[in-house]
């Protein structure tokens, strides 16, 4: 059997998107924390910002990104390559 397995194709296609989501989360989290902290200081009854909110948001974002990319990757990995070559 020649070629890559379905799991290897999913890994190759998903890796770049997942890395970009990680970078976006690590850039946006400190900015969001700082701006939320400054905004919450203006209220009479202050509430704290839990790091758990940022962790859950990051995990949710990663899950959505992975599911959307892996759905397309599975579809591409299971496609017959002859069909693609035939139309080019």
PDB file of N, CA and C in Angstrom:
ATOM      1  N   UNK A   1       0.848  -1.170   0.000  1.00  0.00           N
ATOM      2  CA  UNK A   1       0.000   0.000   0.000  1.00  0.00           C
ATOM      3  C   UNK A   1       0.899   1.239   0.000  1.00  0.00           C
ATOM      4  N   UNK A   2       0.662   2.118  -0.911  1.00  0.00           N
ATOM      5  CA  UNK A   2       1.448   3.329  -1.029  1.00  0.00           C
ATOM      6  C   UNK A   2       0.679   4.527  -0.506  1.00  0.00           C
ATOM      7  N   UNK A   3       1.415   5.553  -0.109  1.00  0.00           N
ATOM      8  CA  UNK A   3       0.767   6.778   0.334  1.00  0.00           C
ATOM      9  C   UNK A   3       0.685   6.868   1.838  1.00  0.00           C
ATOM     10  N   UNK A   4       0.152   7.975   2.285  1.00  0.00           N
ATOM     11  CA  UNK A   4       0.034   8.241   3.724  1.00  0.00           C
ATOM     12  C   UNK A   4      -1.292   7.717   4.252  1.00  0.00           C
ATOM     13  N   UNK A   5      -1.305   7.425   5.535  1.00  0.00           N
ATOM     14  CA  UNK A   5      -2.542   6.983   6.166  1.00  0.00           C
ATOM     15  C   UNK A   5      -3.452   8.197   6.403  1.00  0.00           C
ATOM     16  N   UNK A   6      -4.696   7.913   6.686  1.00  0.00           N
ATOM     17  CA  UNK A   6      -5.670   8.980   6.927  1.00  0.00           C
ATOM     18  C   UNK A   6      -5.262   9.803   8.146  1.00  0.00           C
ATOM     19  N   UNK A   7      -4.778   9.140   9.194  1.00  0.00           N
ATOM     20  CA  UNK A   7      -4.379   9.875  10.394  1.00  0.00           C
ATOM     21  C   UNK A   7      -3.179  10.780  10.126  1.00  0.00           C
ATOM     22  N   UNK A   8      -2.249  10.352   9.294  1.00  0.00           N
ATOM     23  CA  UNK A   8      -1.087  11.176   8.957  1.00  0.00           C
ATOM     24  C   UNK A   8      -1.508  12.394   8.129  1.00  0.00           C
ATOM     25  N   UNK A   9      -2.435  12.213   7.224  1.00  0.00           N
ATOM     26  CA  UNK A   9      -2.928  13.338   6.420  1.00  0.00           C
ATOM     27  C   UNK A   9      -3.668  14.341   7.300  1.00  0.00           C
ATOM     28  N   UNK A  10      -4.475  13.842   8.228  1.00  0.00           N
ATOM     29  CA  UNK A  10      -5.182  14.737   9.149  1.00  0.00           C
ATOM     30  C   UNK A  10      -4.179  15.507  10.000  1.00  0.00           C
ATOM     31  N   UNK A  11      -3.142  14.826  10.471  1.00  0.00           N
ATOM     32  CA  UNK A  11      -2.119  15.488  11.264  1.00  0.00           C
ATOM     33  C   UNK A  11      -1.415  16.579  10.464  1.00  0.00           C
ATOM     34  N   UNK A  12      -1.052  16.281   9.247  1.00  0.00           N
ATOM     35  CA  UNK A  12      -0.333  17.259   8.429  1.00  0.00           C
ATOM     36  C   UNK A  12      -1.193  18.480   8.101  1.00  0.00           C
ATOM     37  N   UNK A  13      -2.460  18.268   7.831  1.00  0.00           N
ATOM     38  CA  UNK A  13      -3.341  19.378   7.485  1.00  0.00           C
ATOM     39  C   UNK A  13      -3.775  20.182   8.709  1.00  0.00           C
ATOM     40  N   UNK A  14      -3.871  19.547   9.861  1.00  0.00           N
ATOM     41  CA  UNK A  14      -4.357  20.215  11.061  1.00  0.00           C
ATOM     42  C   UNK A  14      -3.254  20.916  11.842  1.00  0.00           C
ATOM     43  N   UNK A  15      -2.031  20.469  11.702  1.00  0.00           N
ATOM     44  CA  UNK A  15      -0.934  20.984  12.515  1.00  0.00           C
ATOM     45  C   UNK A  15      -0.757  22.491  12.359  1.00  0.00           C
ATOM     46  N   UNK A  16      -0.784  22.977  11.142  1.00  0.00           N
ATOM     47  CA  UNK A  16      -0.555  24.397  10.902  1.00  0.00           C
ATOM     48  C   UNK A  16      -1.667  25.264  11.507  1.00  0.00           C
ATOM     49  N   UNK A  17      -2.894  24.824  11.359  1.00  0.00           N
ATOM     50  CA  UNK A  17      -4.015  25.596  11.901  1.00  0.00           C
ATOM     51  C   UNK A  17      -3.982  25.604  13.427  1.00  0.00           C
ATOM     52  N   UNK A  18      -3.673  24.485  14.029  1.00  0.00           N
ATOM     53  CA  UNK A  18      -3.620  24.397  15.482  1.00  0.00           C
ATOM     54  C   UNK A  18      -2.507  25.292  16.030  1.00  0.00           C
ATOM     55  N   UNK A  19      -1.365  25.325  15.363  1.00  0.00           N
ATOM     56  CA  UNK A  19      -0.267  26.205  15.794  1.00  0.00           C
ATOM     57  C   UNK A  19      -0.694  27.668  15.703  1.00  0.00           C
ATOM     58  N   UNK A  20      -1.383  28.029  14.642  1.00  0.00           N
ATOM     59  CA  UNK A  20      -1.850  29.409  14.503  1.00  0.00           C
ATOM     60  C   UNK A  20      -2.860  29.775  15.579  1.00  0.00           C
ATOM     61  N   UNK A  21      -3.713  28.846  15.953  1.00  0.00           N
ATOM     62  CA  UNK A  21      -4.683  29.107  17.020  1.00  0.00           C
ATOM     63  C   UNK A  21      -3.956  29.277  18.353  1.00  0.00           C
ATOM     64  N   UNK A  22      -2.941  28.446  18.617  1.00  0.00           N
ATOM     65  CA  UNK A  22      -2.140  28.608  19.833  1.00  0.00           C
ATOM     66  C   UNK A  22      -1.497  29.987  19.891  1.00  0.00           C
ATOM     67  N   UNK A  23      -0.906  30.419  18.792  1.00  0.00           N
ATOM     68  CA  UNK A  23      -0.263  31.734  18.752  1.00  0.00           C
ATOM     69  C   UNK A  23      -1.298  32.830  18.998  1.00  0.00           C
ATOM     70  N   UNK A  24      -2.459  32.712  18.374  1.00  0.00           N
ATOM     71  CA  UNK A  24      -3.507  33.718  18.555  1.00  0.00           C
ATOM     72  C   UNK A  24      -3.983  33.775  20.002  1.00  0.00           C
ATOM     73  N   UNK A  25      -4.116  32.632  20.642  1.00  0.00           N
ATOM     74  CA  UNK A  25      -4.561  32.606  22.040  1.00  0.00           C
ATOM     75  C   UNK A  25      -3.508  33.232  22.945  1.00  0.00           C
ATOM     76  N   UNK A  26      -2.234  32.912  22.710  1.00  0.00           N
ATOM     77  CA  UNK A  26      -1.182  33.456  23.572  1.00  0.00           C
ATOM     78  C   UNK A  26      -0.957  34.942  23.351  1.00  0.00           C
ATOM     79  N   UNK A  27      -1.312  35.454  22.196  1.00  0.00           N
ATOM     80  CA  UNK A  27      -1.224  36.897  21.961  1.00  0.00           C
ATOM     81  C   UNK A  27      -2.451  37.603  22.540  1.00  0.00           C
ATOM     82  N   UNK A  28      -3.617  37.021  22.360  1.00  0.00           N
ATOM     83  CA  UNK A  28      -4.860  37.684  22.762  1.00  0.00           C
ATOM     84  C   UNK A  28      -5.139  37.588  24.257  1.00  0.00           C
ATOM     85  N   UNK A  29      -4.699  36.538  24.922  1.00  0.00           N
ATOM     86  CA  UNK A  29      -5.031  36.356  26.338  1.00  0.00           C
ATOM     87  C   UNK A  29      -4.479  37.469  27.229  1.00  0.00           C
ATOM     88  N   UNK A  30      -3.215  37.857  27.118  1.00  0.00           N
ATOM     89  CA  UNK A  30      -2.753  38.958  27.982  1.00  0.00           C
ATOM     90  C   UNK A  30      -3.439  40.290  27.680  1.00  0.00           C
ATOM     91  N   UNK A  31      -3.712  40.536  26.409  1.00  0.00           N
ATOM     92  CA  UNK A  31      -4.409  41.771  26.043  1.00  0.00           C
ATOM     93  C   UNK A  31      -5.821  41.771  26.622  1.00  0.00           C
ATOM     94  N   UNK A  32      -6.501  40.649  26.516  1.00  0.00           N
ATOM     95  CA  UNK A  32      -7.857  40.546  27.061  1.00  0.00           C
ATOM     96  C   UNK A  32      -7.845  40.641  28.581  1.00  0.00           C
ATOM     97  N   UNK A  33      -6.868  40.017  29.215  1.00  0.00           N
ATOM     98  CA  UNK A  33      -6.782  40.081  30.676  1.00  0.00           C
ATOM     99  C   UNK A  33      -6.559  41.518  31.138  1.00  0.00           C
ATOM    100  N   UNK A  34      -5.638  42.214  30.511  1.00  0.00           N
ATOM    101  CA  UNK A  34      -5.338  43.586  30.895  1.00  0.00           C
ATOM    102  C   UNK A  34      -6.547  44.501  30.684  1.00  0.00           C
ATOM    103  N   UNK A  35      -7.191  44.397  29.522  1.00  0.00           N
ATOM    104  CA  UNK A  35      -8.341  45.263  29.247  1.00  0.00           C
ATOM    105  C   UNK A  35      -9.527  44.936  30.146  1.00  0.00           C
ATOM    106  N   UNK A  36      -9.754  43.666  30.437  1.00  0.00           N
ATOM    107  CA  UNK A  36     -10.849  43.293  31.347  1.00  0.00           C
ATOM    108  C   UNK A  36     -10.557  43.773  32.769  1.00  0.00           C
ATOM    109  N   UNK A  37      -9.297  43.668  33.173  1.00  0.00           N
ATOM    110  CA  UNK A  37      -8.924  44.117  34.514  1.00  0.00           C
ATOM    111  C   UNK A  37      -9.141  45.627  34.661  1.00  0.00           C
ATOM    112  N   UNK A  38      -8.728  46.381  33.646  1.00  0.00           N
ATOM    113  CA  UNK A  38      -8.929  47.840  33.681  1.00  0.00           C
ATOM    114  C   UNK A  38     -10.415  48.190  33.662  1.00  0.00           C
ATOM    115  N   UNK A  39     -11.201  47.481  32.882  1.00  0.00           N
ATOM    116  CA  UNK A  39     -12.632  47.768  32.769  1.00  0.00           C
ATOM    117  C   UNK A  39     -13.359  47.428  34.073  1.00  0.00           C
ATOM    118  N   UNK A  40     -12.984  46.320  34.700  1.00  0.00           N
ATOM    119  CA  UNK A  40     -13.657  45.899  35.931  1.00  0.00           C
ATOM    120  C   UNK A  40     -13.299  46.786  37.120  1.00  0.00           C
ATOM    121  N   UNK A  41     -12.209  47.529  37.052  1.00  0.00           N
ATOM    122  CA  UNK A  41     -11.846  48.419  38.152  1.00  0.00           C
ATOM    123  C   UNK A  41     -12.801  49.597  38.286  1.00  0.00           C
ATOM    124  N   UNK A  42     -13.558  49.899  37.248  1.00  0.00           N
ATOM    125  CA  UNK A  42     -14.478  51.035  37.274  1.00  0.00           C
ATOM    126  C   UNK A  42     -15.778  50.748  38.016  1.00  0.00           C
ATOM    127  N   UNK A  43     -16.039  49.504  38.353  1.00  0.00           N
ATOM    128  CA  UNK A  43     -17.284  49.148  39.020  1.00  0.00           C
ATOM    129  C   UNK A  43     -17.122  49.222  40.539  1.00  0.00           C
ATOM    130  N   UNK A  44     -18.220  49.535  41.208  1.00  0.00           N
ATOM    131  CA  UNK A  44     -18.189  49.619  42.671  1.00  0.00           C
ATOM    132  C   UNK A  44     -17.999  48.238  43.287  1.00  0.00           C
ATOM    133  N   UNK A  45     -18.700  47.257  42.757  1.00  0.00           N
ATOM    134  CA  UNK A  45     -18.567  45.885  43.246  1.00  0.00           C
ATOM    135  C   UNK A  45     -17.661  45.146  42.273  1.00  0.00           C
ATOM    136  N   UNK A  46     -16.437  44.930  42.680  1.00  0.00           N
ATOM    137  CA  UNK A  46     -15.448  44.328  41.785  1.00  0.00           C
ATOM    138  C   UNK A  46     -15.502  42.813  41.857  1.00  0.00           C
ATOM    139  N   UNK A  47     -15.272  42.219  40.729  1.00  0.00           N
ATOM    140  CA  UNK A  47     -15.134  40.769  40.668  1.00  0.00           C
ATOM    141  C   UNK A  47     -13.818  40.454  39.979  1.00  0.00           C
ATOM    142  N   UNK A  48     -13.242  39.357  40.357  1.00  0.00           N
ATOM    143  CA  UNK A  48     -11.951  38.973  39.800  1.00  0.00           C
ATOM    144  C   UNK A  48     -12.095  38.233  38.482  1.00  0.00           C
ATOM    145  N   UNK A  49     -10.987  38.154  37.783  1.00  0.00           N
ATOM    146  CA  UNK A  49     -10.952  37.413  36.523  1.00  0.00           C
ATOM    147  C   UNK A  49     -10.246  36.092  36.800  1.00  0.00           C
ATOM    148  N   UNK A  50     -10.911  35.022  36.511  1.00  0.00           N
ATOM    149  CA  UNK A  50     -10.347  33.702  36.744  1.00  0.00           C
ATOM    150  C   UNK A  50      -9.535  33.243  35.523  1.00  0.00           C
ATOM    151  N   UNK A  51      -8.363  32.695  35.751  1.00  0.00           N
ATOM    152  CA  UNK A  51      -7.595  32.137  34.627  1.00  0.00           C
ATOM    153  C   UNK A  51      -8.313  30.955  33.963  1.00  0.00           C
ATOM    154  N   UNK A  52      -9.238  30.352  34.702  1.00  0.00           N
ATOM    155  CA  UNK A  52      -9.997  29.238  34.142  1.00  0.00           C
ATOM    156  C   UNK A  52     -10.822  29.676  32.931  1.00  0.00           C
ATOM    157  N   UNK A  53     -11.280  30.927  32.933  1.00  0.00           N
ATOM    158  CA  UNK A  53     -12.036  31.437  31.782  1.00  0.00           C
ATOM    159  C   UNK A  53     -11.175  31.430  30.524  1.00  0.00           C
ATOM    160  N   UNK A  54      -9.920  31.834  30.668  1.00  0.00           N
ATOM    161  CA  UNK A  54      -9.028  31.879  29.514  1.00  0.00           C
ATOM    162  C   UNK A  54      -8.653  30.475  29.052  1.00  0.00           C
ATOM    163  N   UNK A  55      -8.476  29.566  29.987  1.00  0.00           N
ATOM    164  CA  UNK A  55      -8.148  28.183  29.628  1.00  0.00           C
ATOM    165  C   UNK A  55      -9.317  27.528  28.893  1.00  0.00           C
ATOM    166  N   UNK A  56     -10.523  27.715  29.413  1.00  0.00           N
ATOM    167  CA  UNK A  56     -11.693  27.123  28.763  1.00  0.00           C
ATOM    168  C   UNK A  56     -11.952  27.739  27.388  1.00  0.00           C
ATOM    169  N   UNK A  57     -11.719  29.040  27.271  1.00  0.00           N
ATOM    170  CA  UNK A  57     -11.873  29.698  25.980  1.00  0.00           C
ATOM    171  C   UNK A  57     -10.854  29.174  24.980  1.00  0.00           C
ATOM    172  N   UNK A  58      -9.616  29.002  25.430  1.00  0.00           N
ATOM    173  CA  UNK A  58      -8.573  28.468  24.549  1.00  0.00           C
ATOM    174  C   UNK A  58      -8.895  27.039  24.116  1.00  0.00           C
ATOM    175  N   UNK A  59      -9.363  26.219  25.050  1.00  0.00           N
ATOM    176  CA  UNK A  59      -9.718  24.833  24.701  1.00  0.00           C
ATOM    177  C   UNK A  59     -10.908  24.788  23.749  1.00  0.00           C
ATOM    178  N   UNK A  60     -11.884  25.646  23.971  1.00  0.00           N
ATOM    179  CA  UNK A  60     -13.034  25.695  23.067  1.00  0.00           C
ATOM    180  C   UNK A  60     -12.640  26.132  21.668  1.00  0.00           C
ATOM    181  N   UNK A  61     -11.764  27.133  21.597  1.00  0.00           N
ATOM    182  CA  UNK A  61     -11.296  27.611  20.299  1.00  0.00           C
ATOM    183  C   UNK A  61     -10.505  26.533  19.576  1.00  0.00           C
ATOM    184  N   UNK A  62      -9.641  25.842  20.310  1.00  0.00           N
ATOM    185  CA  UNK A  62      -8.868  24.750  19.708  1.00  0.00           C
ATOM    186  C   UNK A  62      -9.775  23.617  19.236  1.00  0.00           C
ATOM    187  N   UNK A  63     -10.784  23.295  20.030  1.00  0.00           N
ATOM    188  CA  UNK A  63     -11.700  22.218  19.645  1.00  0.00           C
ATOM    189  C   UNK A  63     -12.467  22.573  18.378  1.00  0.00           C
ATOM    190  N   UNK A  64     -12.964  23.793  18.291  1.00  0.00           N
ATOM    191  CA  UNK A  64     -13.710  24.210  17.100  1.00  0.00           C
ATOM    192  C   UNK A  64     -12.808  24.221  15.879  1.00  0.00           C
ATOM    193  N   UNK A  65     -11.599  24.739  16.033  1.00  0.00           N
ATOM    194  CA  UNK A  65     -10.655  24.781  14.906  1.00  0.00           C
ATOM    195  C   UNK A  65     -10.282  23.378  14.467  1.00  0.00           C
ATOM    196  N   UNK A  66      -9.997  22.498  15.433  1.00  0.00           N
ATOM    197  CA  UNK A  66      -9.612  21.132  15.075  1.00  0.00           C
ATOM    198  C   UNK A  66     -10.756  20.376  14.409  1.00  0.00           C
ATOM    199  N   UNK A  67     -11.959  20.528  14.922  1.00  0.00           N
ATOM    200  CA  UNK A  67     -13.098  19.828  14.328  1.00  0.00           C
ATOM    201  C   UNK A  67     -13.376  20.302  12.906  1.00  0.00           C
ATOM    202  N   UNK A  68     -13.295  21.603  12.689  1.00  0.00           N
ATOM    203  CA  UNK A  68     -13.583  22.105  11.343  1.00  0.00           C
ATOM    204  C   UNK A  68     -12.498  21.703  10.347  1.00  0.00           C
ATOM    205  N   UNK A  69     -11.243  21.726  10.772  1.00  0.00           N
ATOM    206  CA  UNK A  69     -10.159  21.343   9.872  1.00  0.00           C
ATOM    207  C   UNK A  69     -10.132  19.831   9.668  1.00  0.00           C
ATOM    208  N   UNK A  70     -10.337  19.071  10.734  1.00  0.00           N
ATOM    209  CA  UNK A  70     -10.262  17.618  10.589  1.00  0.00           C
ATOM    210  C   UNK A  70     -11.420  17.074   9.763  1.00  0.00           C
ATOM    211  N   UNK A  71     -12.579  17.730   9.809  1.00  0.00           N
ATOM    212  CA  UNK A  71     -13.688  17.287   8.967  1.00  0.00           C
ATOM    213  C   UNK A  71     -13.303  17.364   7.494  1.00  0.00           C
ATOM    214  N   UNK A  72     -12.717  18.485   7.092  1.00  0.00           N
ATOM    215  CA  UNK A  72     -12.266  18.647   5.706  1.00  0.00           C
ATOM    216  C   UNK A  72     -11.086  17.737   5.396  1.00  0.00           C
ATOM    217  N   UNK A  73     -10.211  17.519   6.369  1.00  0.00           N
ATOM    218  CA  UNK A  73      -9.042  16.670   6.145  1.00  0.00           C
ATOM    219  C   UNK A  73      -9.450  15.213   5.952  1.00  0.00           C
ATOM    220  N   UNK A  74     -10.414  14.758   6.716  1.00  0.00           N
ATOM    221  CA  UNK A  74     -10.901  13.382   6.549  1.00  0.00           C
ATOM    222  C   UNK A  74     -11.533  13.222   5.174  1.00  0.00           C
ATOM    223  N   UNK A  75     -12.298  14.212   4.786  1.00  0.00           N
ATOM    224  CA  UNK A  75     -12.927  14.166   3.468  1.00  0.00           C
ATOM    225  C   UNK A  75     -11.877  14.130   2.354  1.00  0.00           C
ATOM    226  N   UNK A  76     -10.819  14.936   2.505  1.00  0.00           N
ATOM    227  CA  UNK A  76      -9.753  14.961   1.500  1.00  0.00           C
ATOM    228  C   UNK A  76      -8.926  13.682   1.528  1.00  0.00           C
ATOM    229  N   UNK A  77      -8.708  13.120   2.713  1.00  0.00           N
ATOM    230  CA  UNK A  77      -7.891  11.916   2.828  1.00  0.00           C
ATOM    231  C   UNK A  77      -8.590  10.687   2.255  1.00  0.00           C
ATOM    232  N   UNK A  78      -9.900  10.648   2.336  1.00  0.00           N
ATOM    233  CA  UNK A  78     -10.640   9.495   1.850  1.00  0.00           C
ATOM    234  C   UNK A  78     -11.047   9.624   0.391  1.00  0.00           C
ATOM    235  N   UNK A  79     -10.776  10.771  -0.206  1.00  0.00           N
ATOM    236  CA  UNK A  79     -11.140  10.979  -1.605  1.00  0.00           C
ATOM    237  C   UNK A  79     -10.209  10.166  -2.508  1.00  0.00           C
ATOM    238  N   UNK A  80     -10.725   9.807  -3.625  1.00  0.00           N
ATOM    239  CA  UNK A  80      -9.933   9.068  -4.614  1.00  0.00           C
ATOM    240  C   UNK A  80      -9.068  10.070  -5.380  1.00  0.00           C
ATOM    241  N   UNK A  81      -7.748   9.922  -5.348  1.00  0.00           N
ATOM    242  CA  UNK A  81      -6.893  10.899  -6.024  1.00  0.00           C
ATOM    243  C   UNK A  81      -7.054  10.885  -7.545  1.00  0.00           C
ATOM    244  N   UNK A  82      -7.497   9.797  -8.088  1.00  0.00           N
ATOM    245  CA  UNK A  82      -7.695   9.697  -9.536  1.00  0.00           C
ATOM    246  C   UNK A  82      -8.765  10.695 -10.004  1.00  0.00           C
ATOM    247  N   UNK A  83      -9.807  10.874  -9.173  1.00  0.00           N
ATOM    248  CA  UNK A  83     -10.848  11.828  -9.520  1.00  0.00           C
ATOM    249  C   UNK A  83     -10.315  13.247  -9.616  1.00  0.00           C
ATOM    250  N   UNK A  84      -9.387  13.607  -8.765  1.00  0.00           N
ATOM    251  CA  UNK A  84      -8.792  14.945  -8.800  1.00  0.00           C
ATOM    252  C   UNK A  84      -7.885  15.113 -10.013  1.00  0.00           C
ATOM    253  N   UNK A  85      -7.116  14.098 -10.302  1.00  0.00           N
ATOM    254  CA  UNK A  85      -6.181  14.193 -11.433  1.00  0.00           C
ATOM    255  C   UNK A  85      -6.936  14.199 -12.752  1.00  0.00           C
ATOM    256  N   UNK A  86      -8.021  13.513 -12.827  1.00  0.00           N
ATOM    257  CA  UNK A  86      -8.783  13.383 -14.061  1.00  0.00           C
ATOM    258  C   UNK A  86      -9.290  14.738 -14.536  1.00  0.00           C
ATOM    259  N   UNK A  87      -9.633  15.641 -13.630  1.00  0.00           N
ATOM    260  CA  UNK A  87     -10.199  16.931 -14.034  1.00  0.00           C
ATOM    261  C   UNK A  87      -9.141  18.008 -14.250  1.00  0.00           C
ATOM    262  N   UNK A  88      -7.885  17.700 -14.008  1.00  0.00           N
ATOM    263  CA  UNK A  88      -6.825  18.699 -14.231  1.00  0.00           C
ATOM    264  C   UNK A  88      -6.177  18.459 -15.502  1.00  0.00           C
TER     265      UNK A  88
END
